[in-house]
């Protein structure tokens, strides 16, 4: 394995040997010929598709207006016996339910995250095509670890954050990568894998339960 790794890295270094040290990716134009949006899809169709694909992944989707958000999150916590949640420090106050202990993540240890009932976060975007949440480590997404360690993830998605296709989401996340070197986490349903006999196991690489609260425009 180490010999193969050495060979691969040597080939990468050789391929990059003529690249100036101060060259940035954006300095070289690359033709992008893939689609960037669904041309004939309405906004409501894009959001509906996002919800449908998420449901196919065994995630639960709850569509609310902004005035109902905190109450719905509180109800979900009661239904799933979530009494103690870790939250990113930048989670907006109107999203925070009453009756639940919310612990802001300010560098909590993995052992402390493992002791939480779940995590409540926002996101940086969402993709209808793949039913994917985009987390960028920002004030609402929070540190990558909080979306991987707790067993239950409640994620708030605002309808205007949902884009149709993957390239749109990649373009939207590029600023966080360039400006903050942020690690981008893509979440498509609860964490799941399967063995050679295709026996599905959830919760191996992240939360085994995912509730998405979709906030839509309302009165």
N, C-alpha and C. Protein backbone atom coordinates (compact mmCIF):
# COMPACT_ATOMS: atom_id res chain seq x y z
N UNK A 1 0.83 -1.20 0.00
CA UNK A 1 0.00 0.00 0.00
C UNK A 1 0.87 1.26 0.00
N UNK A 2 1.94 1.25 0.80
CA UNK A 2 2.80 2.44 0.88
C UNK A 2 3.52 2.67 -0.45
N UNK A 3 3.91 1.60 -1.16
CA UNK A 3 4.56 1.74 -2.46
C UNK A 3 3.61 2.37 -3.47
N UNK A 4 2.35 1.94 -3.46
CA UNK A 4 1.36 2.50 -4.38
C UNK A 4 1.13 3.98 -4.08
N UNK A 5 1.04 4.31 -2.79
CA UNK A 5 0.85 5.71 -2.39
C UNK A 5 2.02 6.56 -2.87
N UNK A 6 3.22 6.06 -2.68
CA UNK A 6 4.41 6.79 -3.10
C UNK A 6 4.40 7.03 -4.60
N UNK A 7 4.00 6.03 -5.36
CA UNK A 7 3.96 6.17 -6.81
C UNK A 7 2.92 7.19 -7.25
N UNK A 8 1.74 7.13 -6.64
CA UNK A 8 0.68 8.07 -7.00
C UNK A 8 1.11 9.50 -6.71
N UNK A 9 1.67 9.74 -5.53
CA UNK A 9 2.11 11.09 -5.17
C UNK A 9 3.24 11.57 -6.07
N UNK A 10 4.11 10.66 -6.47
CA UNK A 10 5.20 11.03 -7.37
C UNK A 10 4.64 11.48 -8.72
N UNK A 11 3.62 10.79 -9.20
CA UNK A 11 3.01 11.17 -10.47
C UNK A 11 2.31 12.53 -10.37
N UNK A 12 1.68 12.78 -9.23
CA UNK A 12 1.03 14.08 -9.03
C UNK A 12 2.07 15.19 -9.04
N UNK A 13 3.17 14.98 -8.32
CA UNK A 13 4.23 16.00 -8.29
C UNK A 13 4.82 16.24 -9.68
N UNK A 14 4.97 15.16 -10.45
CA UNK A 14 5.51 15.29 -11.80
C UNK A 14 4.55 16.09 -12.68
N UNK A 15 3.24 15.82 -12.54
CA UNK A 15 2.25 16.52 -13.35
C UNK A 15 2.19 18.00 -13.01
N UNK A 16 2.53 18.34 -11.77
CA UNK A 16 2.45 19.73 -11.32
C UNK A 16 3.80 20.45 -11.39
N UNK A 17 4.82 19.80 -11.91
CA UNK A 17 6.16 20.36 -11.85
C UNK A 17 6.31 21.66 -12.62
N UNK A 18 5.49 21.87 -13.66
CA UNK A 18 5.62 23.10 -14.44
C UNK A 18 4.62 24.17 -14.05
N UNK A 19 3.90 23.96 -12.94
CA UNK A 19 2.91 24.93 -12.48
C UNK A 19 3.60 25.95 -11.56
N UNK A 20 3.51 27.23 -11.85
CA UNK A 20 4.13 28.24 -10.98
C UNK A 20 3.59 28.16 -9.56
N UNK A 21 4.44 28.40 -8.60
CA UNK A 21 4.04 28.26 -7.19
C UNK A 21 2.95 29.24 -6.78
N UNK A 22 2.88 30.40 -7.47
CA UNK A 22 1.89 31.40 -7.10
C UNK A 22 0.62 31.33 -7.95
N UNK A 23 0.51 30.30 -8.79
CA UNK A 23 -0.69 30.18 -9.64
C UNK A 23 -1.88 29.71 -8.82
N UNK A 24 -3.03 30.33 -9.06
CA UNK A 24 -4.26 29.95 -8.37
C UNK A 24 -5.20 29.25 -9.36
N UNK A 25 -6.09 28.39 -8.88
CA UNK A 25 -6.99 27.68 -9.79
C UNK A 25 -7.77 28.61 -10.71
N UNK A 26 -8.19 29.77 -10.19
CA UNK A 26 -9.00 30.68 -11.00
C UNK A 26 -8.18 31.40 -12.08
N UNK A 27 -6.84 31.25 -12.03
CA UNK A 27 -6.00 31.89 -13.04
C UNK A 27 -6.07 31.17 -14.39
N UNK A 28 -6.51 29.92 -14.38
CA UNK A 28 -6.56 29.12 -15.60
C UNK A 28 -8.01 28.86 -15.97
N UNK A 29 -8.40 29.32 -17.11
CA UNK A 29 -9.79 29.14 -17.55
C UNK A 29 -10.02 27.69 -17.96
N UNK A 30 -11.09 27.12 -17.46
CA UNK A 30 -11.48 25.75 -17.82
C UNK A 30 -12.90 25.80 -18.36
N UNK A 31 -13.09 25.27 -19.53
CA UNK A 31 -14.42 25.26 -20.15
C UNK A 31 -15.34 24.33 -19.37
N UNK A 32 -16.49 24.85 -18.95
CA UNK A 32 -17.48 24.06 -18.22
C UNK A 32 -18.70 23.88 -19.11
N UNK A 33 -18.92 22.66 -19.58
CA UNK A 33 -20.01 22.44 -20.52
C UNK A 33 -21.23 21.79 -19.93
N UNK A 34 -21.25 21.59 -18.60
CA UNK A 34 -22.39 20.91 -18.02
C UNK A 34 -23.52 21.88 -17.69
N UNK A 35 -24.69 21.33 -17.48
CA UNK A 35 -25.85 22.16 -17.16
C UNK A 35 -25.68 22.80 -15.79
N UNK A 36 -26.19 23.98 -15.63
CA UNK A 36 -26.13 24.66 -14.33
C UNK A 36 -27.50 24.90 -13.72
N UNK A 37 -28.56 24.61 -14.45
CA UNK A 37 -29.89 24.77 -13.87
C UNK A 37 -30.92 24.01 -14.70
N UNK A 38 -32.06 23.74 -14.07
CA UNK A 38 -33.18 23.16 -14.79
C UNK A 38 -33.91 24.32 -15.46
N UNK A 39 -33.82 24.39 -16.75
CA UNK A 39 -34.31 25.57 -17.44
C UNK A 39 -35.82 25.76 -17.35
N UNK A 40 -36.58 24.67 -17.32
CA UNK A 40 -38.03 24.79 -17.37
C UNK A 40 -38.71 24.46 -16.04
N UNK A 41 -37.94 24.29 -15.00
CA UNK A 41 -38.52 23.96 -13.69
C UNK A 41 -38.84 25.23 -12.92
N UNK A 42 -40.03 25.28 -12.35
CA UNK A 42 -40.42 26.41 -11.51
C UNK A 42 -39.75 26.28 -10.15
N UNK A 43 -39.80 27.37 -9.39
CA UNK A 43 -39.20 27.36 -8.05
C UNK A 43 -39.87 26.30 -7.17
N UNK A 44 -41.18 26.20 -7.23
CA UNK A 44 -41.89 25.23 -6.40
C UNK A 44 -41.55 23.81 -6.81
N UNK A 45 -41.33 23.57 -8.10
CA UNK A 45 -40.97 22.23 -8.56
C UNK A 45 -39.59 21.82 -8.06
N UNK A 46 -38.68 22.78 -8.03
CA UNK A 46 -37.35 22.49 -7.51
C UNK A 46 -37.42 22.09 -6.03
N UNK A 47 -38.16 22.84 -5.25
CA UNK A 47 -38.29 22.55 -3.82
C UNK A 47 -39.01 21.22 -3.61
N UNK A 48 -40.06 20.96 -4.38
CA UNK A 48 -40.78 19.69 -4.26
C UNK A 48 -39.85 18.51 -4.56
N UNK A 49 -39.02 18.67 -5.59
CA UNK A 49 -38.10 17.59 -5.95
C UNK A 49 -37.11 17.33 -4.83
N UNK A 50 -36.61 18.37 -4.20
CA UNK A 50 -35.70 18.24 -3.07
C UNK A 50 -36.33 17.40 -1.97
N UNK A 51 -37.58 17.70 -1.64
CA UNK A 51 -38.28 16.97 -0.59
C UNK A 51 -38.50 15.51 -0.96
N UNK A 52 -38.83 15.26 -2.21
CA UNK A 52 -39.08 13.89 -2.68
C UNK A 52 -37.81 13.03 -2.59
N UNK A 53 -36.69 13.58 -3.03
CA UNK A 53 -35.46 12.80 -3.01
C UNK A 53 -35.01 12.54 -1.57
N UNK A 54 -35.14 13.55 -0.72
CA UNK A 54 -34.80 13.35 0.70
C UNK A 54 -35.63 12.22 1.31
N UNK A 55 -36.91 12.20 1.01
CA UNK A 55 -37.78 11.14 1.54
C UNK A 55 -37.34 9.77 1.05
N UNK A 56 -36.87 9.70 -0.20
CA UNK A 56 -36.36 8.42 -0.73
C UNK A 56 -35.15 7.93 0.05
N UNK A 57 -34.42 8.86 0.65
CA UNK A 57 -33.24 8.50 1.44
C UNK A 57 -33.58 8.20 2.91
N UNK A 58 -34.85 8.10 3.22
CA UNK A 58 -35.31 7.83 4.60
C UNK A 58 -35.10 9.00 5.54
N UNK A 59 -34.97 10.20 4.99
CA UNK A 59 -34.98 11.40 5.83
C UNK A 59 -36.43 11.86 5.98
N UNK A 60 -36.71 12.53 7.09
CA UNK A 60 -38.05 13.07 7.32
C UNK A 60 -38.03 14.56 7.01
N UNK A 61 -38.99 15.00 6.21
CA UNK A 61 -39.05 16.40 5.80
C UNK A 61 -40.31 17.04 6.37
N UNK A 62 -40.14 18.22 6.96
CA UNK A 62 -41.25 18.94 7.60
C UNK A 62 -41.29 20.34 6.99
N UNK A 63 -42.37 20.66 6.31
CA UNK A 63 -42.48 21.95 5.62
C UNK A 63 -43.28 22.89 6.50
N UNK A 64 -42.68 24.04 6.83
CA UNK A 64 -43.30 25.00 7.73
C UNK A 64 -43.08 26.41 7.19
N UNK A 65 -43.83 27.37 7.75
CA UNK A 65 -43.51 28.78 7.53
C UNK A 65 -42.68 29.25 8.71
N UNK A 66 -42.02 30.39 8.55
CA UNK A 66 -41.04 30.82 9.54
C UNK A 66 -41.63 30.95 10.95
N UNK A 67 -42.88 31.38 11.05
CA UNK A 67 -43.49 31.57 12.38
C UNK A 67 -43.70 30.24 13.10
N UNK A 68 -43.68 29.14 12.37
CA UNK A 68 -43.91 27.82 12.97
C UNK A 68 -42.62 27.08 13.29
N UNK A 69 -41.49 27.64 12.89
CA UNK A 69 -40.24 26.89 12.93
C UNK A 69 -39.86 26.41 14.32
N UNK A 70 -39.75 27.30 15.28
CA UNK A 70 -39.30 26.91 16.62
C UNK A 70 -40.25 25.90 17.25
N UNK A 71 -41.57 26.09 17.06
CA UNK A 71 -42.54 25.15 17.61
C UNK A 71 -42.37 23.77 16.99
N UNK A 72 -42.14 23.72 15.67
CA UNK A 72 -41.97 22.41 15.03
C UNK A 72 -40.70 21.71 15.50
N UNK A 73 -39.62 22.47 15.64
CA UNK A 73 -38.38 21.88 16.14
C UNK A 73 -38.58 21.36 17.56
N UNK A 74 -39.27 22.14 18.39
CA UNK A 74 -39.55 21.69 19.76
C UNK A 74 -40.39 20.43 19.78
N UNK A 75 -41.38 20.34 18.88
CA UNK A 75 -42.22 19.15 18.82
C UNK A 75 -41.40 17.92 18.40
N UNK A 76 -40.52 18.12 17.43
CA UNK A 76 -39.67 17.00 16.99
C UNK A 76 -38.76 16.52 18.13
N UNK A 77 -38.26 17.46 18.90
CA UNK A 77 -37.42 17.09 20.04
C UNK A 77 -38.19 16.25 21.05
N UNK A 78 -39.44 16.64 21.31
CA UNK A 78 -40.25 15.87 22.25
C UNK A 78 -40.58 14.49 21.70
N UNK A 79 -40.91 14.43 20.41
CA UNK A 79 -41.27 13.15 19.80
C UNK A 79 -40.11 12.17 19.80
N UNK A 80 -38.90 12.66 19.65
CA UNK A 80 -37.73 11.78 19.56
C UNK A 80 -36.88 11.81 20.83
N UNK A 81 -37.43 12.39 21.89
CA UNK A 81 -36.77 12.41 23.21
C UNK A 81 -35.38 13.06 23.13
N UNK A 82 -35.31 14.17 22.43
CA UNK A 82 -34.07 14.92 22.32
C UNK A 82 -34.09 16.05 23.33
N UNK A 83 -33.36 15.90 24.40
CA UNK A 83 -33.40 16.87 25.49
C UNK A 83 -32.18 17.81 25.49
N UNK A 84 -31.13 17.37 24.84
CA UNK A 84 -29.88 18.15 24.87
C UNK A 84 -29.27 18.15 23.48
N UNK A 85 -29.23 19.33 22.85
CA UNK A 85 -28.73 19.45 21.49
C UNK A 85 -27.52 20.37 21.43
N UNK A 86 -26.56 20.00 20.59
CA UNK A 86 -25.47 20.91 20.30
C UNK A 86 -25.90 21.78 19.13
N UNK A 87 -25.54 23.05 19.17
CA UNK A 87 -25.90 23.98 18.10
C UNK A 87 -24.68 24.81 17.74
N UNK A 88 -24.56 25.25 16.48
CA UNK A 88 -23.49 26.19 16.13
C UNK A 88 -23.76 27.53 16.79
N UNK A 89 -22.72 28.27 17.16
CA UNK A 89 -22.92 29.55 17.85
C UNK A 89 -23.77 30.55 17.07
N UNK A 90 -23.74 30.45 15.74
CA UNK A 90 -24.48 31.42 14.93
C UNK A 90 -25.91 31.03 14.62
N UNK A 91 -26.45 30.01 15.27
CA UNK A 91 -27.82 29.62 15.00
C UNK A 91 -28.77 30.74 15.42
N UNK A 92 -29.63 31.22 14.52
CA UNK A 92 -30.51 32.36 14.85
C UNK A 92 -31.41 32.08 16.05
N UNK A 93 -31.66 33.10 16.84
CA UNK A 93 -32.51 32.96 18.03
C UNK A 93 -33.91 32.45 17.71
N UNK A 94 -34.58 32.90 16.62
CA UNK A 94 -35.93 32.41 16.33
C UNK A 94 -35.99 30.92 16.00
N UNK A 95 -34.84 30.30 15.71
CA UNK A 95 -34.82 28.87 15.40
C UNK A 95 -34.70 28.02 16.66
N UNK A 96 -34.42 28.64 17.78
CA UNK A 96 -34.11 27.89 19.00
C UNK A 96 -35.38 27.59 19.79
N UNK A 97 -35.70 26.30 19.95
CA UNK A 97 -36.94 25.94 20.63
C UNK A 97 -36.82 26.09 22.14
N UNK A 98 -37.95 26.26 22.79
CA UNK A 98 -37.98 26.29 24.26
C UNK A 98 -38.08 24.87 24.79
N UNK A 99 -37.65 24.69 26.02
CA UNK A 99 -37.78 23.39 26.67
C UNK A 99 -36.71 22.39 26.29
N UNK A 100 -35.68 22.83 25.57
CA UNK A 100 -34.58 21.95 25.16
C UNK A 100 -33.28 22.62 25.54
N UNK A 101 -32.37 21.87 26.13
CA UNK A 101 -31.06 22.43 26.47
C UNK A 101 -30.22 22.53 25.20
N UNK A 102 -29.82 23.73 24.86
CA UNK A 102 -29.02 23.96 23.67
C UNK A 102 -27.59 24.32 24.10
N UNK A 103 -26.65 23.53 23.66
CA UNK A 103 -25.24 23.73 24.03
C UNK A 103 -24.49 24.23 22.81
N UNK A 104 -24.01 25.47 22.87
CA UNK A 104 -23.27 26.01 21.74
C UNK A 104 -21.90 25.36 21.62
N UNK A 105 -21.56 24.99 20.40
CA UNK A 105 -20.27 24.35 20.16
C UNK A 105 -19.19 25.41 20.06
N UNK A 106 -18.35 25.43 21.05
CA UNK A 106 -17.18 26.31 21.03
C UNK A 106 -15.94 25.46 21.27
N UNK A 107 -15.80 24.46 20.38
CA UNK A 107 -14.66 23.56 20.49
C UNK A 107 -14.91 22.39 21.41
N UNK A 108 -16.15 21.91 21.50
CA UNK A 108 -16.46 20.76 22.35
C UNK A 108 -15.64 19.55 21.93
N UNK A 109 -15.23 18.75 22.90
CA UNK A 109 -14.48 17.52 22.61
C UNK A 109 -15.42 16.49 21.97
N UNK A 110 -14.82 15.55 21.26
CA UNK A 110 -15.62 14.50 20.62
C UNK A 110 -16.44 13.74 21.65
N UNK A 111 -15.86 13.49 22.82
CA UNK A 111 -16.59 12.77 23.87
C UNK A 111 -17.81 13.57 24.34
N UNK A 112 -17.69 14.90 24.35
CA UNK A 112 -18.83 15.73 24.73
C UNK A 112 -19.90 15.71 23.64
N UNK A 113 -19.49 15.76 22.37
CA UNK A 113 -20.45 15.67 21.28
C UNK A 113 -21.16 14.33 21.28
N UNK A 114 -20.43 13.29 21.63
CA UNK A 114 -21.02 11.94 21.65
C UNK A 114 -22.08 11.82 22.73
N UNK A 115 -22.00 12.66 23.75
CA UNK A 115 -22.99 12.62 24.82
C UNK A 115 -24.24 13.43 24.54
N UNK A 116 -24.28 14.12 23.41
CA UNK A 116 -25.47 14.90 23.04
C UNK A 116 -26.55 14.01 22.43
N UNK A 117 -27.79 14.41 22.61
CA UNK A 117 -28.89 13.67 21.99
C UNK A 117 -28.97 13.93 20.49
N UNK A 118 -28.47 15.08 20.05
CA UNK A 118 -28.53 15.41 18.63
C UNK A 118 -27.91 16.75 18.37
N UNK A 119 -28.04 17.20 17.12
CA UNK A 119 -27.53 18.49 16.71
C UNK A 119 -28.63 19.23 15.95
N UNK A 120 -28.72 20.53 16.18
CA UNK A 120 -29.63 21.39 15.45
C UNK A 120 -28.78 22.41 14.71
N UNK A 121 -28.90 22.44 13.38
CA UNK A 121 -28.07 23.36 12.60
C UNK A 121 -28.87 23.92 11.43
N UNK A 122 -28.27 24.90 10.78
CA UNK A 122 -28.75 25.34 9.49
C UNK A 122 -27.86 24.72 8.44
N UNK A 123 -27.83 25.31 7.25
CA UNK A 123 -26.97 24.81 6.19
C UNK A 123 -26.56 25.96 5.30
N UNK A 124 -25.64 25.69 4.38
CA UNK A 124 -25.21 26.71 3.43
C UNK A 124 -25.97 26.63 2.13
N UNK A 125 -26.66 25.52 1.91
CA UNK A 125 -27.42 25.32 0.68
C UNK A 125 -27.99 23.92 0.64
N UNK A 126 -28.76 23.64 -0.42
CA UNK A 126 -29.36 22.32 -0.59
C UNK A 126 -29.54 22.07 -2.08
N UNK A 127 -29.52 20.78 -2.46
CA UNK A 127 -29.56 20.41 -3.88
C UNK A 127 -30.77 19.53 -4.15
N UNK A 128 -31.65 20.00 -5.03
CA UNK A 128 -32.85 19.23 -5.36
C UNK A 128 -32.51 17.95 -6.11
N UNK A 129 -31.59 18.02 -7.03
CA UNK A 129 -31.23 16.89 -7.87
C UNK A 129 -30.86 15.65 -7.06
N UNK A 130 -30.15 15.86 -5.96
CA UNK A 130 -29.61 14.75 -5.19
C UNK A 130 -30.15 14.68 -3.76
N UNK A 131 -31.03 15.61 -3.38
CA UNK A 131 -31.54 15.63 -2.01
C UNK A 131 -30.44 15.85 -0.99
N UNK A 132 -29.55 16.77 -1.29
CA UNK A 132 -28.33 16.94 -0.50
C UNK A 132 -28.31 18.25 0.27
N UNK A 133 -27.84 18.18 1.52
CA UNK A 133 -27.58 19.37 2.33
C UNK A 133 -26.11 19.75 2.17
N UNK A 134 -25.84 21.03 2.03
CA UNK A 134 -24.47 21.52 1.90
C UNK A 134 -24.10 22.27 3.17
N UNK A 135 -23.09 21.78 3.87
CA UNK A 135 -22.61 22.40 5.11
C UNK A 135 -21.20 22.93 4.86
N UNK A 136 -20.98 24.20 5.24
CA UNK A 136 -19.71 24.84 4.92
C UNK A 136 -18.91 25.30 6.14
N UNK A 137 -19.30 24.82 7.33
CA UNK A 137 -18.56 25.23 8.52
C UNK A 137 -18.81 26.65 8.95
N UNK A 138 -19.80 27.33 8.34
CA UNK A 138 -20.12 28.70 8.69
C UNK A 138 -20.93 28.82 9.97
N UNK A 139 -21.37 30.03 10.31
CA UNK A 139 -22.06 30.25 11.58
C UNK A 139 -23.32 29.41 11.77
N UNK A 140 -24.04 29.10 10.69
CA UNK A 140 -25.26 28.30 10.82
C UNK A 140 -25.01 26.81 10.63
N UNK A 141 -24.03 26.47 9.80
CA UNK A 141 -23.70 25.05 9.59
C UNK A 141 -22.96 24.47 10.78
N UNK A 142 -22.06 25.24 11.33
CA UNK A 142 -21.27 24.77 12.45
C UNK A 142 -20.08 23.92 12.02
N UNK A 143 -19.28 23.60 12.97
CA UNK A 143 -18.08 22.78 12.74
C UNK A 143 -18.46 21.41 12.18
N UNK A 144 -17.64 20.87 11.31
CA UNK A 144 -17.96 19.60 10.64
C UNK A 144 -18.26 18.49 11.65
N UNK A 145 -17.54 18.47 12.76
CA UNK A 145 -17.70 17.39 13.72
C UNK A 145 -19.11 17.31 14.30
N UNK A 146 -19.79 18.45 14.44
CA UNK A 146 -21.10 18.39 15.08
C UNK A 146 -22.14 17.76 14.17
N UNK A 147 -21.87 17.69 12.87
CA UNK A 147 -22.81 17.04 11.96
C UNK A 147 -22.49 15.56 11.77
N UNK A 148 -21.41 15.08 12.37
CA UNK A 148 -20.99 13.69 12.19
C UNK A 148 -21.11 12.85 13.45
N UNK A 149 -20.95 13.45 14.62
CA UNK A 149 -20.87 12.66 15.85
C UNK A 149 -22.24 12.39 16.49
N UNK A 150 -23.07 13.39 16.76
CA UNK A 150 -24.37 13.10 17.38
C UNK A 150 -25.23 12.19 16.50
N UNK A 151 -26.11 11.44 17.14
CA UNK A 151 -26.86 10.40 16.44
C UNK A 151 -28.08 10.93 15.68
N UNK A 152 -28.50 12.15 15.95
CA UNK A 152 -29.72 12.69 15.33
C UNK A 152 -29.42 14.11 14.87
N UNK A 153 -29.71 14.38 13.61
CA UNK A 153 -29.45 15.70 13.03
C UNK A 153 -30.77 16.35 12.64
N UNK A 154 -31.04 17.52 13.21
CA UNK A 154 -32.16 18.35 12.77
C UNK A 154 -31.56 19.51 12.01
N UNK A 155 -31.93 19.65 10.75
CA UNK A 155 -31.33 20.69 9.92
C UNK A 155 -32.42 21.60 9.36
N UNK A 156 -32.24 22.89 9.53
CA UNK A 156 -33.17 23.88 9.02
C UNK A 156 -32.69 24.33 7.64
N UNK A 157 -33.58 24.24 6.66
CA UNK A 157 -33.27 24.66 5.29
C UNK A 157 -34.30 25.71 4.88
N UNK A 158 -33.84 26.86 4.48
CA UNK A 158 -34.74 27.88 3.95
C UNK A 158 -34.98 27.61 2.47
N UNK A 159 -36.23 27.72 2.03
CA UNK A 159 -36.60 27.32 0.68
C UNK A 159 -35.74 27.99 -0.38
N UNK A 160 -35.36 29.23 -0.16
CA UNK A 160 -34.56 29.94 -1.17
C UNK A 160 -33.14 29.41 -1.26
N UNK A 161 -32.73 28.58 -0.30
CA UNK A 161 -31.40 27.98 -0.36
C UNK A 161 -31.34 26.78 -1.30
N UNK A 162 -32.48 26.25 -1.69
CA UNK A 162 -32.51 25.04 -2.51
C UNK A 162 -32.23 25.39 -3.97
N UNK A 163 -31.19 24.79 -4.54
CA UNK A 163 -30.87 24.96 -5.95
C UNK A 163 -31.18 23.65 -6.68
N UNK A 164 -31.25 23.73 -7.98
CA UNK A 164 -31.68 22.56 -8.75
C UNK A 164 -30.59 21.50 -8.89
N UNK A 165 -29.41 21.91 -9.32
CA UNK A 165 -28.37 20.96 -9.72
C UNK A 165 -27.09 21.13 -8.91
N UNK A 166 -26.28 20.08 -8.94
CA UNK A 166 -25.02 20.07 -8.19
C UNK A 166 -24.10 21.23 -8.58
N UNK A 167 -23.89 21.55 -9.87
CA UNK A 167 -22.98 22.66 -10.21
C UNK A 167 -23.37 23.98 -9.57
N UNK A 168 -24.66 24.23 -9.42
CA UNK A 168 -25.09 25.47 -8.76
C UNK A 168 -24.61 25.50 -7.31
N UNK A 169 -24.74 24.35 -6.64
CA UNK A 169 -24.33 24.28 -5.23
C UNK A 169 -22.82 24.41 -5.09
N UNK A 170 -22.08 23.79 -6.01
CA UNK A 170 -20.61 23.89 -5.96
C UNK A 170 -20.18 25.34 -6.14
N UNK A 171 -20.81 26.02 -7.09
CA UNK A 171 -20.47 27.43 -7.30
C UNK A 171 -20.80 28.25 -6.06
N UNK A 172 -21.92 27.94 -5.41
CA UNK A 172 -22.30 28.68 -4.21
C UNK A 172 -21.35 28.46 -3.04
N UNK A 173 -20.75 27.27 -2.97
CA UNK A 173 -19.84 26.96 -1.86
C UNK A 173 -18.41 27.39 -2.13
N UNK A 174 -18.11 27.79 -3.37
CA UNK A 174 -16.73 28.09 -3.73
C UNK A 174 -16.15 29.26 -2.94
N UNK A 175 -17.00 30.23 -2.60
CA UNK A 175 -16.51 31.37 -1.84
C UNK A 175 -15.98 30.97 -0.48
N UNK A 176 -16.69 30.08 0.21
CA UNK A 176 -16.25 29.62 1.53
C UNK A 176 -14.93 28.86 1.43
N UNK A 177 -14.76 28.12 0.35
CA UNK A 177 -13.52 27.36 0.17
C UNK A 177 -12.36 28.31 -0.09
N UNK A 178 -12.56 29.29 -0.95
CA UNK A 178 -11.49 30.22 -1.28
C UNK A 178 -11.14 31.15 -0.13
N UNK A 179 -12.18 31.67 0.54
CA UNK A 179 -11.95 32.69 1.56
C UNK A 179 -11.55 32.10 2.91
N UNK A 180 -12.16 30.95 3.26
CA UNK A 180 -11.89 30.38 4.59
C UNK A 180 -11.23 29.01 4.54
N UNK A 181 -10.98 28.51 3.31
CA UNK A 181 -10.49 27.14 3.16
C UNK A 181 -11.41 26.17 3.90
N UNK A 182 -12.70 26.42 3.80
CA UNK A 182 -13.68 25.64 4.56
C UNK A 182 -13.83 24.24 3.99
N UNK A 183 -13.90 23.23 4.87
CA UNK A 183 -14.24 21.89 4.39
C UNK A 183 -15.74 21.83 4.11
N UNK A 184 -16.12 21.34 2.96
CA UNK A 184 -17.53 21.25 2.58
C UNK A 184 -18.03 19.83 2.86
N UNK A 185 -19.12 19.74 3.61
CA UNK A 185 -19.73 18.45 3.92
C UNK A 185 -21.06 18.35 3.18
N UNK A 186 -21.24 17.25 2.44
CA UNK A 186 -22.48 17.01 1.70
C UNK A 186 -23.23 15.87 2.38
N UNK A 187 -24.47 16.13 2.76
CA UNK A 187 -25.28 15.16 3.50
C UNK A 187 -26.50 14.80 2.65
N UNK A 188 -26.59 13.54 2.25
CA UNK A 188 -27.74 13.07 1.48
C UNK A 188 -28.44 11.98 2.29
N UNK A 189 -29.34 12.39 3.17
CA UNK A 189 -30.07 11.45 4.01
C UNK A 189 -29.26 11.01 5.21
N UNK A 190 -29.84 10.14 6.05
CA UNK A 190 -29.11 9.60 7.19
C UNK A 190 -27.88 8.84 6.72
N UNK A 191 -26.85 8.80 7.56
CA UNK A 191 -25.65 8.05 7.22
C UNK A 191 -26.00 6.58 7.04
N UNK A 192 -25.55 5.98 5.94
CA UNK A 192 -25.90 4.58 5.67
C UNK A 192 -24.82 3.92 4.83
N UNK A 193 -24.67 2.62 5.00
CA UNK A 193 -23.79 1.82 4.18
C UNK A 193 -24.40 0.42 4.09
N UNK A 194 -23.79 -0.44 3.30
CA UNK A 194 -24.29 -1.81 3.21
C UNK A 194 -23.11 -2.76 3.00
N UNK A 195 -23.30 -4.01 3.41
CA UNK A 195 -22.23 -4.99 3.25
C UNK A 195 -22.37 -5.69 1.90
N UNK A 196 -21.59 -6.73 1.69
CA UNK A 196 -21.58 -7.41 0.40
C UNK A 196 -22.93 -8.05 0.07
N UNK A 197 -23.74 -8.31 1.09
CA UNK A 197 -25.07 -8.87 0.88
C UNK A 197 -26.13 -7.79 0.79
N UNK A 198 -25.69 -6.53 0.72
CA UNK A 198 -26.57 -5.37 0.59
C UNK A 198 -27.49 -5.18 1.80
N UNK A 199 -27.02 -5.61 2.97
CA UNK A 199 -27.76 -5.36 4.20
C UNK A 199 -27.47 -3.92 4.63
N UNK A 200 -28.49 -3.09 4.69
CA UNK A 200 -28.32 -1.67 4.97
C UNK A 200 -28.10 -1.45 6.47
N UNK A 201 -27.10 -0.65 6.77
CA UNK A 201 -26.80 -0.27 8.14
C UNK A 201 -26.73 1.24 8.20
N UNK A 202 -27.46 1.85 9.13
CA UNK A 202 -27.47 3.30 9.24
C UNK A 202 -26.69 3.75 10.47
N UNK A 203 -26.11 4.93 10.37
CA UNK A 203 -25.40 5.50 11.51
C UNK A 203 -23.94 5.15 11.59
N UNK A 204 -23.34 4.65 10.51
CA UNK A 204 -21.94 4.23 10.55
C UNK A 204 -21.00 5.43 10.45
N UNK A 205 -21.31 6.35 9.53
CA UNK A 205 -20.41 7.49 9.28
C UNK A 205 -21.01 8.82 9.70
N UNK A 206 -22.07 8.80 10.46
CA UNK A 206 -22.74 10.02 10.87
C UNK A 206 -24.08 9.70 11.48
N UNK A 207 -24.95 10.69 11.64
CA UNK A 207 -26.25 10.47 12.29
C UNK A 207 -27.10 9.42 11.58
N UNK A 208 -27.75 8.59 12.36
CA UNK A 208 -28.63 7.59 11.77
C UNK A 208 -30.04 8.14 11.53
N UNK A 209 -30.33 9.33 12.07
CA UNK A 209 -31.63 9.94 11.86
C UNK A 209 -31.45 11.38 11.39
N UNK A 210 -32.24 11.76 10.38
CA UNK A 210 -32.16 13.10 9.83
C UNK A 210 -33.56 13.67 9.66
N UNK A 211 -33.81 14.80 10.32
CA UNK A 211 -35.04 15.55 10.14
C UNK A 211 -34.70 16.89 9.51
N UNK A 212 -35.30 17.17 8.37
CA UNK A 212 -35.07 18.43 7.68
C UNK A 212 -36.33 19.28 7.82
N UNK A 213 -36.17 20.48 8.38
CA UNK A 213 -37.28 21.41 8.52
C UNK A 213 -37.13 22.45 7.44
N UNK A 214 -38.00 22.39 6.45
CA UNK A 214 -37.95 23.29 5.30
C UNK A 214 -38.82 24.51 5.56
N UNK A 215 -38.21 25.68 5.59
CA UNK A 215 -38.93 26.93 5.89
C UNK A 215 -39.33 27.60 4.58
N UNK A 216 -40.62 27.73 4.35
CA UNK A 216 -41.12 28.29 3.12
C UNK A 216 -41.73 29.67 3.39
N UNK A 217 -41.83 30.50 2.37
CA UNK A 217 -42.45 31.81 2.56
C UNK A 217 -43.88 31.67 3.06
N UNK A 218 -44.24 32.50 3.98
CA UNK A 218 -45.60 32.44 4.53
C UNK A 218 -46.13 33.82 4.82
N UNK A 219 -47.35 33.86 5.29
CA UNK A 219 -47.97 35.16 5.61
C UNK A 219 -47.29 35.85 6.77
